[in-house]
Each structure stands twice: as C-alpha cells, then as structure tokens.
Amino acid sequence: MRIDRRQFLGATAAGLLLPGAAHAQDNALYEAARKEGELTWYIVHVTSETAEKMARTFTAKYPGVKVNVVRTTAQVAFQRLNQDIQAKVANCDVFASTDMGHYVDLKNRKLLMAYEPPNAADIDPRFLNIDPDKNFIVTSATFISILYNTAKLKPEDAPKSWKDLTDPKWMNLISVGHPGFSGFVGSWVVQMKKLYGWDYFKQLAALKPQVGRSIIDTVTAVASGERSVAAGPGALAQYQASRGNPIGVIYPTEGVVLMTSPSAIMANAPHPNAAKLFLNFLWSPEVGAISTEEFGTPLRKDAKSQPGVRPLSEMKTLQPTVQEIVTGVPEVSEDWRDLFGI
C-alpha cells in the first residue's frame, strides 16, 4: 500500500508519533506546537554546528515544528534580546545564554515564563533547582580547563595549574576569550580573581595573550597552532581531538571551572507551546546523546561520558555562585578593558 507523506505527517501530528500515557504532555504540546509551526532559539552555549544539529534532531522528532537558530556570544545575544524588548517586538522564544546575570535581570523584570519539563527525575540533581521559581533551568554543562597544542608540547611540559599560565615562558603563546562578550569567560575571570586576585590578570596581560571574543576561539587558536596554550572549553577540545586535531586537555590542580548554562522561555514568546516542547527536548535522551557524542558533561542520569573523558564525579571543580557572577562579571569586564585595552 502506498502511503502519502502528508497523510503520515498528519497522523503523527494527531498523536501517533509519541504513543503511551507517559508522553501525554508531549503529545498535547506537539499538537499545539505544530499549529504554531516554529520557534526561535537565541543560543550561546553550544557551537553553531551543534545548535543546528539539535535543531534538525528536534524537527525530525516533531515534524512541522521548525527551529530558527540564532547563535551568537552571550553579550551579543543579550543585547539583541534587549533591543527586541525595547522595540516591543517578540522575536525570541527560548533564550539560552552562558551568563547567569542575564537570567537574574530578566527574571527581576518579569520577562521570563516559569516552566520546568516533566522529566526532572531523569536529570542529575546537581543541575536541578538553579532557580526555585523555575524561570530558568540548566540545559547544558561543561567545564573550562587548560588546553595545549599536542604537536608543540608534551603533556609534561604543558601548564599543570591555572597559576602556571602566568609563567613568563608563555609569552605570546596564550589564547583567552573576552569576559565582555563571553559568559563562560566572564565566569572564569570571576573565579580566577577569587583565587588569585586581579594581579593574576596583570601577570597574564604582560604575556600578551591573544584575546578572542568567544571562548570557542581559544580552541581554534590552539588546534591550529596559532597559540600553544589556552583557558578554554575542555569538552570542545576533546571533541576536536577526536577528529584528529592536535589539542589536549589538562585538568588544573586547583580544579576545572564548572559551567552550567540555563535556558528560559520568554514571557512574550510568540510560540509558547513550541518553546515548552523544545525545553522538554533539551532534557531528552536525544540531546543527552548529542552531548555525549560531543564529549560534553551529560545532564541526564542515564547518559555516560565518552571513553577517556572524566565523569564529573571524578573532577575537582570550582564554580562561582550565581550572585558572584551577577555582581562580578560587569566589574571584571570593565577592569579587563582597562587592562588589555580591548
């Protein structure tokens, strides 16, 4: 019997895609989301490649609901969102930044919709209840560590601690991001200042590091050999190494800086049902699998890290509090510009 594709999609939209009472909420949301047809995702905490992969996976699971991916750095995304708000234009459905301060600010302005996916029991409790009011939830986790070019350095010659990065032998060989653009870098700078004071960055600046905008730039700089060492995202470096790039990861003796990145639905989301369905998806096995494939830190209890990747339970971690990030990032961003001149 010949099956017409349009008839098949219509049948799945009617609820056949997700059978069973356990998926009743997803079925109802899917039916409503399919009528909305799309959602727009302001996304910061994954690469453009990964964001597009997640979007395609979502639409494959929920045919008829398109994801418009808008991928930028944290501060650019927040600036764009605020321009939307000022112009009274609702463009963004799901906002996913790496800067905790953004969520606190939006929540205080009552611009976020309270929502938590129904499968919280599947998530590692360390990533739950970041906001007691559920205005934002953790949807991604990774860590910042020391990266090094394996074609230029042996593991024993690479920096072993965050303090080692200030050794004069790394003159013109370091890559870092910018706290004024990247939420990850902002949190890392806050944590390093907490450990060693602002003198740490005076010593770093004297070594003339290459300063990019996104923390992702550090991986590119080290893998290409343009720089030998960096403070960058360990998971992305391990993923690039798996593809044959000469980049390695050092777990600093003080600890890696654990980064938890939330997502939130805007209160004025033009596609609220699609946005809720998408947040459900961000806690799904499909996204857990993508995270694992790309050497990320899985949120789900049933996800396992790639071979050779340390699970979170075996890492020494450092993490500034939400309040330290909220108050500290604007301050260190200004001090950074004064010190580095950019």
Foldseek 3Di string as FASTA:
>chain_A
DDDDPVVVLVVVLCPPLDDDPVCVLLSVLLVLLLVVQEFEEEEEDDDPVLVVVLQVVLCVSRPRYGYHYDYFAQVVSLVVVVVCVVVVHARHFKYWHQFLLSQVVCVVVVFFDADDAPVCVQFDVVQPPLDVRRSKGFLFKFWWFKKFFQVVDPPVPGDQALLSLLPLVQQQAEEAEALNGHNVRLFVVLQVCVVPNCVSVLSNLVSPHHYHHYLVVRLVCRLVVVHGMYGHTQLQNVLVVVVPGRMDGHQHPQFIAMGTIIMTGTPVGPSNSVSNSVSNSSLDVVVQVSCQNSQGAGGGPPRDHDPPRDHPVPTGYDYDRSVSSNPRSVVVNVVCCVSNVD
